[in-house]
N, C-alpha and C. Protein backbone atom coordinates (compact mmCIF):
# COMPACT_ATOMS: atom_id res chain seq x y z
N UNK A 1 -180.93 -38.04 267.16
CA UNK A 1 -181.39 -37.27 265.78
C UNK A 1 -180.42 -36.04 265.81
N UNK A 2 -180.31 -35.30 266.73
CA UNK A 2 -179.44 -34.19 266.55
C UNK A 2 -178.09 -34.45 266.26
N UNK A 3 -177.64 -35.67 266.87
CA UNK A 3 -176.18 -36.07 266.48
C UNK A 3 -176.17 -36.52 264.97
N UNK A 4 -177.01 -37.09 264.48
CA UNK A 4 -177.19 -37.43 262.86
C UNK A 4 -177.12 -36.30 262.15
N UNK A 5 -177.94 -35.13 262.54
CA UNK A 5 -177.86 -33.99 261.78
C UNK A 5 -176.50 -33.23 261.88
N UNK A 6 -175.92 -33.27 262.89
CA UNK A 6 -174.63 -32.74 263.04
C UNK A 6 -173.56 -33.57 262.22
N UNK A 7 -173.69 -34.70 262.10
CA UNK A 7 -172.70 -35.58 261.34
C UNK A 7 -173.05 -35.18 259.96
N UNK A 8 -174.22 -35.13 259.66
CA UNK A 8 -174.68 -34.83 258.11
C UNK A 8 -174.07 -33.43 257.67
N UNK A 9 -174.17 -32.43 258.63
CA UNK A 9 -173.69 -31.11 258.28
C UNK A 9 -172.23 -31.18 258.16
N UNK A 10 -171.69 -31.87 259.10
CA UNK A 10 -170.09 -31.99 259.15
C UNK A 10 -169.72 -32.69 257.90
N UNK A 11 -170.32 -33.61 257.35
CA UNK A 11 -169.98 -34.21 256.11
C UNK A 11 -170.16 -33.31 254.91
N UNK A 12 -171.25 -32.58 254.96
CA UNK A 12 -171.54 -31.50 254.00
C UNK A 12 -170.47 -30.65 253.80
N UNK A 13 -170.16 -30.10 255.13
CA UNK A 13 -169.08 -29.01 255.17
C UNK A 13 -167.65 -29.64 254.64
N UNK A 14 -167.52 -30.89 255.08
CA UNK A 14 -166.21 -31.53 254.63
C UNK A 14 -166.12 -31.59 253.15
N UNK A 15 -167.35 -31.92 252.59
CA UNK A 15 -167.26 -32.00 251.03
C UNK A 15 -167.04 -30.55 250.39
N UNK A 16 -167.56 -29.61 250.98
CA UNK A 16 -167.23 -28.31 250.36
C UNK A 16 -165.87 -27.90 250.49
N UNK A 17 -165.37 -28.23 251.67
CA UNK A 17 -163.88 -27.98 251.79
C UNK A 17 -162.99 -28.83 250.79
N UNK A 18 -163.25 -30.01 250.73
CA UNK A 18 -162.66 -30.90 249.84
C UNK A 18 -162.80 -30.41 248.25
N UNK A 19 -163.93 -29.80 247.91
CA UNK A 19 -164.14 -29.42 246.63
C UNK A 19 -163.22 -28.11 246.33
N UNK A 20 -163.14 -27.26 247.42
CA UNK A 20 -162.27 -26.08 247.27
C UNK A 20 -160.86 -26.34 247.31
N UNK A 21 -160.34 -27.49 247.99
CA UNK A 21 -158.93 -28.00 248.04
C UNK A 21 -158.74 -28.56 246.67
N UNK A 22 -159.67 -29.32 246.09
CA UNK A 22 -159.67 -29.83 244.81
C UNK A 22 -159.31 -28.74 243.69
N UNK A 23 -160.19 -27.92 243.68
CA UNK A 23 -160.21 -26.80 242.83
C UNK A 23 -158.91 -26.03 242.84
N UNK A 24 -158.38 -25.78 244.02
CA UNK A 24 -157.05 -25.09 244.33
C UNK A 24 -155.98 -26.14 243.80
N UNK A 25 -156.05 -27.22 243.93
CA UNK A 25 -155.01 -28.07 243.32
C UNK A 25 -155.00 -28.12 241.80
N UNK A 26 -156.20 -28.15 241.29
CA UNK A 26 -156.21 -28.25 239.88
C UNK A 26 -155.76 -26.84 239.38
N UNK A 27 -155.91 -25.68 240.08
CA UNK A 27 -155.47 -24.33 239.45
C UNK A 27 -153.93 -24.37 239.69
N UNK A 28 -153.22 -25.00 240.68
CA UNK A 28 -151.85 -24.98 240.80
C UNK A 28 -151.17 -26.03 239.74
N UNK A 29 -152.03 -27.10 239.56
CA UNK A 29 -151.37 -28.13 238.52
C UNK A 29 -151.39 -27.33 237.21
N UNK A 30 -152.42 -26.51 236.82
CA UNK A 30 -152.59 -25.55 235.50
C UNK A 30 -151.35 -24.75 235.66
N UNK A 31 -151.24 -24.09 236.63
CA UNK A 31 -150.16 -22.98 236.57
C UNK A 31 -148.67 -23.59 236.39
N UNK A 32 -148.57 -24.78 237.10
CA UNK A 32 -147.23 -25.59 236.94
C UNK A 32 -147.20 -26.04 235.54
N UNK A 33 -148.01 -26.70 234.74
CA UNK A 33 -148.07 -27.14 233.42
C UNK A 33 -147.81 -26.02 232.61
N UNK A 34 -148.52 -24.81 232.66
CA UNK A 34 -148.07 -23.68 231.92
C UNK A 34 -146.74 -23.17 232.01
N UNK A 35 -146.26 -23.17 233.31
CA UNK A 35 -144.80 -22.76 233.56
C UNK A 35 -143.92 -23.68 232.79
N UNK A 36 -144.01 -24.86 232.94
CA UNK A 36 -143.21 -25.92 232.15
C UNK A 36 -143.30 -25.78 230.68
N UNK A 37 -144.35 -25.48 230.11
CA UNK A 37 -144.61 -25.30 228.84
C UNK A 37 -143.90 -24.04 228.34
N UNK A 38 -143.96 -22.92 229.07
CA UNK A 38 -143.34 -21.66 228.84
C UNK A 38 -141.69 -21.78 228.84
N UNK A 39 -141.31 -22.58 229.77
CA UNK A 39 -139.89 -22.89 229.98
C UNK A 39 -139.37 -23.64 228.76
N UNK A 40 -140.14 -24.68 228.21
CA UNK A 40 -139.87 -25.58 227.09
C UNK A 40 -139.80 -24.62 225.88
N UNK A 41 -140.79 -23.78 225.73
CA UNK A 41 -140.82 -22.89 224.52
C UNK A 41 -139.61 -22.00 224.72
N UNK A 42 -139.32 -21.25 225.66
CA UNK A 42 -138.27 -20.40 225.88
C UNK A 42 -136.79 -21.16 225.52
N UNK A 43 -136.70 -22.29 226.02
CA UNK A 43 -135.42 -23.02 225.71
C UNK A 43 -135.42 -23.42 224.19
N UNK A 44 -136.46 -23.85 223.58
CA UNK A 44 -136.44 -24.12 222.17
C UNK A 44 -136.05 -22.85 221.31
N UNK A 45 -136.69 -21.68 221.84
CA UNK A 45 -136.31 -20.41 221.09
C UNK A 45 -134.93 -19.96 221.15
N UNK A 46 -134.47 -20.12 222.53
CA UNK A 46 -132.95 -19.88 222.88
C UNK A 46 -132.14 -20.66 221.84
N UNK A 47 -132.46 -22.09 221.70
CA UNK A 47 -131.66 -22.89 221.02
C UNK A 47 -131.55 -22.59 219.47
N UNK A 48 -132.73 -22.18 219.05
CA UNK A 48 -132.80 -21.88 217.70
C UNK A 48 -131.94 -20.63 217.36
N UNK A 49 -131.89 -19.56 218.36
CA UNK A 49 -131.21 -18.56 218.24
C UNK A 49 -129.66 -18.81 218.21
N UNK A 50 -129.20 -19.78 219.13
CA UNK A 50 -127.94 -20.16 219.28
C UNK A 50 -127.43 -20.75 217.93
N UNK A 51 -128.27 -21.71 217.38
CA UNK A 51 -128.23 -22.35 216.15
C UNK A 51 -128.01 -21.38 214.99
N UNK A 52 -128.79 -20.34 214.88
CA UNK A 52 -128.61 -19.26 213.86
C UNK A 52 -127.29 -18.67 213.97
N UNK A 53 -126.89 -18.24 215.31
CA UNK A 53 -125.66 -17.53 215.61
C UNK A 53 -124.47 -18.55 215.16
N UNK A 54 -124.53 -19.72 215.36
CA UNK A 54 -123.46 -20.68 215.15
C UNK A 54 -123.40 -20.68 213.49
N UNK A 55 -124.34 -20.91 212.80
CA UNK A 55 -124.46 -21.00 211.40
C UNK A 55 -123.86 -19.68 210.77
N UNK A 56 -124.30 -18.48 211.22
CA UNK A 56 -123.80 -17.24 210.72
C UNK A 56 -122.30 -17.29 210.95
N UNK A 57 -121.67 -17.63 212.22
CA UNK A 57 -120.46 -17.71 212.40
C UNK A 57 -119.50 -18.53 211.48
N UNK A 58 -120.14 -19.74 211.29
CA UNK A 58 -119.63 -20.58 210.44
C UNK A 58 -119.45 -20.15 208.86
N UNK A 59 -120.53 -19.37 208.46
CA UNK A 59 -120.56 -18.78 207.20
C UNK A 59 -119.35 -17.81 207.30
N UNK A 60 -119.32 -16.94 208.10
CA UNK A 60 -118.20 -15.96 208.06
C UNK A 60 -116.77 -16.48 208.18
N UNK A 61 -116.73 -17.68 208.87
CA UNK A 61 -115.47 -18.23 208.86
C UNK A 61 -115.09 -18.89 207.41
N UNK A 62 -116.07 -19.44 206.84
CA UNK A 62 -115.70 -19.90 205.49
C UNK A 62 -115.56 -18.83 204.52
N UNK A 63 -116.20 -17.65 204.56
CA UNK A 63 -115.81 -16.47 203.90
C UNK A 63 -114.40 -15.95 204.01
N UNK A 64 -114.07 -15.83 205.24
CA UNK A 64 -112.65 -15.52 205.66
C UNK A 64 -111.65 -16.36 205.18
N UNK A 65 -111.84 -17.75 205.34
CA UNK A 65 -110.89 -18.67 204.69
C UNK A 65 -110.79 -18.63 203.22
N UNK A 66 -111.80 -18.45 202.53
CA UNK A 66 -111.96 -18.26 201.14
C UNK A 66 -111.01 -17.15 200.72
N UNK A 67 -111.41 -15.87 201.42
CA UNK A 67 -110.62 -14.77 201.15
C UNK A 67 -109.06 -14.91 201.47
N UNK A 68 -108.80 -15.67 202.41
CA UNK A 68 -107.43 -15.86 202.80
C UNK A 68 -106.59 -16.61 201.65
N UNK A 69 -107.30 -17.84 201.27
CA UNK A 69 -106.88 -18.56 200.27
C UNK A 69 -106.58 -17.82 198.96
N UNK A 70 -107.61 -16.99 198.58
CA UNK A 70 -107.43 -16.23 197.42
C UNK A 70 -106.30 -15.19 197.45
N UNK A 71 -106.28 -14.57 198.51
CA UNK A 71 -105.11 -13.58 198.81
C UNK A 71 -103.76 -14.47 198.68
N UNK A 72 -103.56 -15.50 199.27
CA UNK A 72 -102.28 -16.42 199.03
C UNK A 72 -102.12 -16.63 197.70
N UNK A 73 -103.03 -17.01 196.92
CA UNK A 73 -102.94 -17.47 195.57
C UNK A 73 -102.42 -16.28 194.77
N UNK A 74 -103.15 -15.08 194.97
CA UNK A 74 -102.81 -13.95 194.37
C UNK A 74 -101.31 -13.57 194.58
N UNK A 75 -100.99 -13.52 195.83
CA UNK A 75 -99.55 -13.24 196.19
C UNK A 75 -98.52 -14.04 195.77
N UNK A 76 -98.96 -15.39 195.62
CA UNK A 76 -97.97 -16.35 194.95
C UNK A 76 -97.83 -16.04 193.60
N UNK A 77 -98.90 -15.64 192.81
CA UNK A 77 -98.60 -15.32 191.42
C UNK A 77 -97.86 -13.96 191.14
N UNK A 78 -98.06 -13.03 192.14
CA UNK A 78 -97.32 -11.79 192.13
C UNK A 78 -95.97 -12.08 192.38
N UNK A 79 -95.68 -12.99 193.43
CA UNK A 79 -94.13 -13.34 193.56
C UNK A 79 -93.60 -14.04 192.47
N UNK A 80 -94.35 -14.84 191.66
CA UNK A 80 -93.82 -15.60 190.61
C UNK A 80 -93.58 -14.79 189.36
N UNK A 81 -94.15 -13.49 189.05
CA UNK A 81 -94.06 -12.87 188.03
C UNK A 81 -92.48 -12.25 187.70
N UNK A 82 -91.96 -11.78 188.80
CA UNK A 82 -90.62 -11.32 188.38
C UNK A 82 -89.61 -12.43 188.06
N UNK A 83 -89.88 -13.46 188.51
CA UNK A 83 -89.01 -14.71 188.30
C UNK A 83 -89.35 -15.15 186.73
N UNK A 84 -90.41 -15.01 186.44
CA UNK A 84 -90.93 -15.27 184.94
C UNK A 84 -90.34 -14.33 184.14
N UNK A 85 -90.34 -13.12 184.45
CA UNK A 85 -89.74 -12.06 183.61
C UNK A 85 -88.21 -12.25 183.45
N UNK A 86 -87.59 -12.60 184.45
CA UNK A 86 -86.04 -12.99 184.45
C UNK A 86 -85.89 -14.02 183.61
N UNK A 87 -86.82 -15.01 183.69
CA UNK A 87 -86.54 -16.29 182.56
C UNK A 87 -86.69 -15.93 181.25
N UNK A 88 -87.64 -15.01 180.99
CA UNK A 88 -87.78 -14.53 179.63
C UNK A 88 -86.66 -13.68 179.18
N UNK A 89 -86.10 -12.93 179.92
CA UNK A 89 -84.95 -12.18 179.60
C UNK A 89 -83.42 -13.11 179.45
N UNK A 90 -83.56 -14.08 179.99
CA UNK A 90 -82.35 -14.86 179.90
C UNK A 90 -82.16 -15.38 178.47
């Protein structure tokens, strides 16, 4: 009878320990999932910032190219003006 009581008590104690281990495992899984979620969110935010930076740089490049082309066209017209005046004088 004493052996049966000892076994029953051991099984109960084992159940309590298993419950604590299971609770700890659930807590670790939650922490791991939360960390992975935060990493994903951080990566998405970082990607969005990089995309915005690339879009801004592309807009600035387009602006600079347009200004360059306008300057070249204005310079070409300015260089053509003296020869046009010489043709008028001939």
